[in-house]
Amino acid sequence: MNNNDILIRLRYTFDIKDSDMLHIFELGGLTLSLDELRVIMKKQDLDTERDQALSREDLERFLNGFIISQRGVKVDKDGQALPATFDMISDALINNVTIKKLKIAMTYTTDHLQDFLAQAGKTVSSSELSAILRNKDHRNYKPVGDQILRNLLKGMALEYRGKGNVSDRKS
């Protein structure tokens, strides 16, 4: 999956308008023009680089902005805003971090994630899901492939947009 494919699927799932997309990016620390957003939102060919239209840093800025838009700014015990984390330090971490940040933004439980995957026809055990959500340095950490993220996003779309609106195409 390309980075912008993740963004396109999230936009579809949550029915996010252009103005809201720009606002979410801004909350994450990236100001874009409408034309720049439209370039990012164009579907890439499957054989292009993962980050040709959207870098992993900018994808994470969107996800951080999405968390802020859904939950507000995280503050410490003194009421000071905490800086957002940037955990996508390599391409291998993109899928795991995306799932973690969606879980935080939408206050999903592991049961919710399992339900979304089940709706898309994928079964993931609680222990496997726990391994996906762990810190990359934990001994039980498991990197997640594109198929699980793709199925999770498909299940979310089925939940939020209705069963008749999501195609079963492979991408």
C-alpha atoms as a PDB file:
ATOM      1  CA  MET A   1       0.000   0.000   0.000  1.00  0.00           C
ATOM      2  CA  ASN A   2       1.187   3.490  -0.789  1.00  0.00           C
ATOM      3  CA  ASN A   3       0.994   6.115   1.942  1.00  0.00           C
ATOM      4  CA  ASN A   4      -1.580   8.116   0.050  1.00  0.00           C
ATOM      5  CA  ASP A   5      -3.685   4.953  -0.367  1.00  0.00           C
ATOM      6  CA  ILE A   6      -3.976   4.814   3.436  1.00  0.00           C
ATOM      7  CA  LEU A   7      -5.065   8.452   3.430  1.00  0.00           C
ATOM      8  CA  ILE A   8      -7.560   7.925   0.584  1.00  0.00           C
ATOM      9  CA  ARG A   9      -9.132   4.982   2.433  1.00  0.00           C
ATOM     10  CA  LEU A  10      -9.366   6.951   5.692  1.00  0.00           C
ATOM     11  CA  ARG A  11     -10.949   9.881   3.896  1.00  0.00           C
ATOM     12  CA  TYR A  12     -13.528   7.578   2.319  1.00  0.00           C
ATOM     13  CA  THR A  13     -14.249   5.720   5.568  1.00  0.00           C
ATOM     14  CA  PHE A  14     -14.865   8.832   7.624  1.00  0.00           C
ATOM     15  CA  ASP A  15     -16.275  10.909   4.722  1.00  0.00           C
ATOM     16  CA  ILE A  16     -13.814  13.762   5.336  1.00  0.00           C
ATOM     17  CA  LYS A  17     -14.261  16.915   3.229  1.00  0.00           C
ATOM     18  CA  ASP A  18     -11.358  18.821   1.634  1.00  0.00           C
ATOM     19  CA  SER A  19     -11.592  21.646   4.165  1.00  0.00           C
ATOM     20  CA  ASP A  20     -11.541  19.150   7.042  1.00  0.00           C
ATOM     21  CA  MET A  21      -8.573  17.306   5.512  1.00  0.00           C
ATOM     22  CA  LEU A  22      -6.645  20.585   5.343  1.00  0.00           C
ATOM     23  CA  HIS A  23      -7.611  21.371   8.943  1.00  0.00           C
ATOM     24  CA  ILE A  24      -6.512  17.931  10.171  1.00  0.00           C
ATOM     25  CA  PHE A  25      -3.152  18.304   8.422  1.00  0.00           C
ATOM     26  CA  GLU A  26      -2.795  21.744  10.020  1.00  0.00           C
ATOM     27  CA  LEU A  27      -3.535  20.322  13.474  1.00  0.00           C
ATOM     28  CA  GLY A  28      -0.702  17.872  12.815  1.00  0.00           C
ATOM     29  CA  GLY A  29       1.679  20.687  11.921  1.00  0.00           C
ATOM     30  CA  LEU A  30       1.496  20.725   8.116  1.00  0.00           C
ATOM     31  CA  THR A  31      -0.144  23.518   6.143  1.00  0.00           C
ATOM     32  CA  LEU A  32      -1.205  22.494   2.634  1.00  0.00           C
ATOM     33  CA  SER A  33      -2.978  24.256  -0.189  1.00  0.00           C
ATOM     34  CA  LEU A  34      -6.028  22.687  -1.788  1.00  0.00           C
ATOM     35  CA  ASP A  35      -3.958  21.938  -4.913  1.00  0.00           C
ATOM     36  CA  GLU A  36      -1.301  20.160  -2.816  1.00  0.00           C
ATOM     37  CA  LEU A  37      -4.032  18.114  -1.131  1.00  0.00           C
ATOM     38  CA  ARG A  38      -5.471  17.100  -4.488  1.00  0.00           C
ATOM     39  CA  VAL A  39      -2.053  15.855  -5.636  1.00  0.00           C
ATOM     40  CA  ILE A  40      -1.757  13.789  -2.453  1.00  0.00           C
ATOM     41  CA  MET A  41      -5.261  12.375  -2.889  1.00  0.00           C
ATOM     42  CA  LYS A  42      -4.649  11.045  -6.421  1.00  0.00           C
ATOM     43  CA  LYS A  43      -4.314   7.290  -6.500  1.00  0.00           C
ATOM     44  CA  GLN A  44      -0.770   6.200  -7.304  1.00  0.00           C
ATOM     45  CA  ASP A  45       0.161   3.323  -9.558  1.00  0.00           C
ATOM     46  CA  LEU A  46       0.962   0.161  -7.633  1.00  0.00           C
ATOM     47  CA  ASP A  47       4.568   0.115  -8.836  1.00  0.00           C
ATOM     48  CA  THR A  48       5.436   3.627  -7.602  1.00  0.00           C
ATOM     49  CA  GLU A  49       7.424   4.354  -4.465  1.00  0.00           C
ATOM     50  CA  ARG A  50       5.439   4.100  -1.251  1.00  0.00           C
ATOM     51  CA  ASP A  51       5.972   7.766  -0.419  1.00  0.00           C
ATOM     52  CA  GLN A  52       5.959   9.347  -3.870  1.00  0.00           C
ATOM     53  CA  ALA A  53       2.900  11.547  -3.171  1.00  0.00           C
ATOM     54  CA  LEU A  54       2.903  11.530   0.641  1.00  0.00           C
ATOM     55  CA  SER A  55       5.931  11.033   2.865  1.00  0.00           C
ATOM     56  CA  ARG A  56       5.642   8.883   5.958  1.00  0.00           C
ATOM     57  CA  GLU A  57       6.323  12.014   8.045  1.00  0.00           C
ATOM     58  CA  ASP A  58       3.379  13.809   6.441  1.00  0.00           C
ATOM     59  CA  LEU A  59       1.151  10.733   6.817  1.00  0.00           C
ATOM     60  CA  GLU A  60       2.020  10.705  10.507  1.00  0.00           C
ATOM     61  CA  ARG A  61       1.315  14.452  10.729  1.00  0.00           C
ATOM     62  CA  PHE A  62      -2.160  13.706   9.363  1.00  0.00           C
ATOM     63  CA  LEU A  63      -2.673  10.884  11.878  1.00  0.00           C
ATOM     64  CA  ASN A  64      -1.494  13.130  14.731  1.00  0.00           C
ATOM     65  CA  GLY A  65      -3.886  15.836  13.527  1.00  0.00           C
ATOM     66  CA  PHE A  66      -6.659  13.237  13.332  1.00  0.00           C
ATOM     67  CA  ILE A  67      -6.051  12.304  16.967  1.00  0.00           C
ATOM     68  CA  ILE A  68      -6.208  15.983  17.970  1.00  0.00           C
ATOM     69  CA  SER A  69      -9.393  16.523  15.931  1.00  0.00           C
ATOM     70  CA  GLN A  70     -11.093  13.574  17.637  1.00  0.00           C
ATOM     71  CA  ARG A  71      -9.682  13.738  21.169  1.00  0.00           C
ATOM     72  CA  GLY A  72      -8.146  17.177  21.633  1.00  0.00           C
ATOM     73  CA  VAL A  73      -4.595  18.082  22.504  1.00  0.00           C
ATOM     74  CA  LYS A  74      -2.916  15.761  25.003  1.00  0.00           C
ATOM     75  CA  VAL A  75      -1.718  17.611  28.089  1.00  0.00           C
ATOM     76  CA  ASP A  76       0.608  16.718  30.949  1.00  0.00           C
ATOM     77  CA  LYS A  77      -0.276  16.895  34.650  1.00  0.00           C
ATOM     78  CA  ASP A  78       0.483  20.647  34.650  1.00  0.00           C
ATOM     79  CA  GLY A  79      -1.893  21.315  31.748  1.00  0.00           C
ATOM     80  CA  GLN A  80       0.895  21.891  29.216  1.00  0.00           C
ATOM     81  CA  ALA A  81       0.353  20.522  25.709  1.00  0.00           C
ATOM     82  CA  LEU A  82       2.484  17.486  24.973  1.00  0.00           C
ATOM     83  CA  PRO A  83       4.163  17.283  21.575  1.00  0.00           C
ATOM     84  CA  ALA A  84       2.885  14.643  19.180  1.00  0.00           C
ATOM     85  CA  THR A  85       5.001  11.536  18.758  1.00  0.00           C
ATOM     86  CA  PHE A  86       6.646  10.621  15.482  1.00  0.00           C
ATOM     87  CA  ASP A  87       7.081   6.874  15.460  1.00  0.00           C
ATOM     88  CA  MET A  88       7.234   6.131  11.717  1.00  0.00           C
ATOM     89  CA  ILE A  89      11.012   6.117  11.628  1.00  0.00           C
ATOM     90  CA  SER A  90      11.069   3.512   8.857  1.00  0.00           C
ATOM     91  CA  ASP A  91       8.699   2.195   6.221  1.00  0.00           C
ATOM     92  CA  ALA A  92       8.429  -1.083   8.143  1.00  0.00           C
ATOM     93  CA  LEU A  93       6.636   0.733  10.984  1.00  0.00           C
ATOM     94  CA  ILE A  94       4.009   2.600   8.939  1.00  0.00           C
ATOM     95  CA  ASN A  95       1.239  -0.008   9.174  1.00  0.00           C
ATOM     96  CA  ASN A  96       1.669  -0.671  12.905  1.00  0.00           C
ATOM     97  CA  VAL A  97       1.793   3.028  13.778  1.00  0.00           C
ATOM     98  CA  THR A  98      -1.242   3.739  11.572  1.00  0.00           C
ATOM     99  CA  ILE A  99      -3.285   1.106  13.409  1.00  0.00           C
ATOM    100  CA  LYS A 100      -2.139   2.396  16.820  1.00  0.00           C
ATOM    101  CA  LYS A 101      -2.963   5.999  15.994  1.00  0.00           C
ATOM    102  CA  LEU A 102      -6.392   5.090  14.581  1.00  0.00           C
ATOM    103  CA  LYS A 103      -7.073   3.126  17.762  1.00  0.00           C
ATOM    104  CA  ILE A 104      -6.161   6.189  19.834  1.00  0.00           C
ATOM    105  CA  ALA A 105      -8.048   8.713  17.696  1.00  0.00           C
ATOM    106  CA  MET A 106     -11.283   6.744  17.627  1.00  0.00           C
ATOM    107  CA  THR A 107     -10.924   5.228  21.125  1.00  0.00           C
ATOM    108  CA  TYR A 108     -11.213   1.743  19.668  1.00  0.00           C
ATOM    109  CA  THR A 109     -10.710  -1.326  21.785  1.00  0.00           C
ATOM    110  CA  THR A 110      -9.028  -4.456  20.482  1.00  0.00           C
ATOM    111  CA  ASP A 111     -12.538  -5.910  20.168  1.00  0.00           C
ATOM    112  CA  HIS A 112     -13.443  -3.100  17.769  1.00  0.00           C
ATOM    113  CA  LEU A 113     -10.351  -3.813  15.673  1.00  0.00           C
ATOM    114  CA  GLN A 114     -11.133  -7.534  15.607  1.00  0.00           C
ATOM    115  CA  ASP A 115     -14.725  -6.768  14.555  1.00  0.00           C
ATOM    116  CA  PHE A 116     -13.532  -4.552  11.681  1.00  0.00           C
ATOM    117  CA  LEU A 117     -11.156  -7.249  10.507  1.00  0.00           C
ATOM    118  CA  ALA A 118     -13.896  -9.883  10.774  1.00  0.00           C
ATOM    119  CA  GLN A 119     -16.226  -7.743   8.650  1.00  0.00           C
ATOM    120  CA  ALA A 120     -13.556  -7.777   5.954  1.00  0.00           C
ATOM    121  CA  GLY A 121     -13.200 -11.557   6.266  1.00  0.00           C
ATOM    122  CA  LYS A 122      -9.927 -11.612   8.234  1.00  0.00           C
ATOM    123  CA  THR A 123      -9.540 -13.268  11.621  1.00  0.00           C
ATOM    124  CA  VAL A 124      -6.791 -12.044  13.934  1.00  0.00           C
ATOM    125  CA  SER A 125      -6.333 -13.485  17.410  1.00  0.00           C
ATOM    126  CA  SER A 126      -6.152 -11.275  20.488  1.00  0.00           C
ATOM    127  CA  SER A 127      -2.511 -12.213  21.042  1.00  0.00           C
ATOM    128  CA  GLU A 128      -1.603 -11.404  17.423  1.00  0.00           C
ATOM    129  CA  LEU A 129      -3.377  -8.060  17.667  1.00  0.00           C
ATOM    130  CA  SER A 130      -1.619  -7.352  20.950  1.00  0.00           C
ATOM    131  CA  ALA A 131       1.725  -8.045  19.263  1.00  0.00           C
ATOM    132  CA  ILE A 132       0.833  -5.616  16.456  1.00  0.00           C
ATOM    133  CA  LEU A 133       0.042  -2.863  18.956  1.00  0.00           C
ATOM    134  CA  ARG A 134       3.204  -3.287  21.046  1.00  0.00           C
ATOM    135  CA  ASN A 135       6.238  -1.003  20.982  1.00  0.00           C
ATOM    136  CA  LYS A 136       8.704  -1.956  18.252  1.00  0.00           C
ATOM    137  CA  ASP A 137      11.356  -2.715  20.885  1.00  0.00           C
ATOM    138  CA  HIS A 138       9.162  -5.183  22.791  1.00  0.00           C
ATOM    139  CA  ARG A 139      10.170  -8.830  22.392  1.00  0.00           C
ATOM    140  CA  ASN A 140       6.621  -9.802  21.311  1.00  0.00           C
ATOM    141  CA  TYR A 141       6.272  -7.014  18.729  1.00  0.00           C
ATOM    142  CA  LYS A 142       5.031  -8.164  15.334  1.00  0.00           C
ATOM    143  CA  PRO A 143       5.279  -6.044  12.197  1.00  0.00           C
ATOM    144  CA  VAL A 144       2.004  -5.964  10.324  1.00  0.00           C
ATOM    145  CA  GLY A 145       1.766  -6.378   6.584  1.00  0.00           C
ATOM    146  CA  ASP A 146      -0.318  -4.456   4.102  1.00  0.00           C
ATOM    147  CA  GLN A 147      -3.027  -7.139   4.008  1.00  0.00           C
ATOM    148  CA  ILE A 148      -4.058  -6.679   7.644  1.00  0.00           C
ATOM    149  CA  LEU A 149      -4.079  -2.879   7.402  1.00  0.00           C
ATOM    150  CA  ARG A 150      -5.994  -3.063   4.120  1.00  0.00           C
ATOM    151  CA  ASN A 151      -8.570  -5.415   5.681  1.00  0.00           C
ATOM    152  CA  LEU A 152      -8.869  -3.258   8.790  1.00  0.00           C
ATOM    153  CA  LEU A 153      -9.548  -0.158   6.690  1.00  0.00           C
ATOM    154  CA  LYS A 154     -12.007  -2.127   4.559  1.00  0.00           C
ATOM    155  CA  GLY A 155     -13.854  -3.355   7.670  1.00  0.00           C
ATOM    156  CA  MET A 156     -13.981   0.189   9.032  1.00  0.00           C
ATOM    157  CA  ALA A 157     -15.412   1.410   5.730  1.00  0.00           C
ATOM    158  CA  LEU A 158     -18.005  -1.358   5.803  1.00  0.00           C
ATOM    159  CA  GLU A 159     -18.977  -0.291   9.322  1.00  0.00           C
ATOM    160  CA  TYR A 160     -19.141   3.437   8.671  1.00  0.00           C
ATOM    161  CA  ARG A 161     -20.237   3.614   5.041  1.00  0.00           C
ATOM    162  CA  GLY A 162     -22.436   0.565   4.692  1.00  0.00           C
ATOM    163  CA  LYS A 163     -21.891  -2.842   3.213  1.00  0.00           C
ATOM    164  CA  GLY A 164     -23.004  -1.958  -0.304  1.00  0.00           C
ATOM    165  CA  ASN A 165     -20.542   0.866  -0.898  1.00  0.00           C
ATOM    166  CA  VAL A 166     -17.141  -0.782  -0.561  1.00  0.00           C
ATOM    167  CA  SER A 167     -15.659  -2.709  -3.436  1.00  0.00           C
ATOM    168  CA  ASP A 168     -13.876  -5.991  -2.914  1.00  0.00           C
ATOM    169  CA  ARG A 169     -11.082  -5.140  -5.340  1.00  0.00           C
ATOM    170  CA  LYS A 170      -7.510  -5.940  -4.412  1.00  0.00           C
ATOM    171  CA  SER A 171      -5.024  -3.074  -4.340  1.00  0.00           C
END
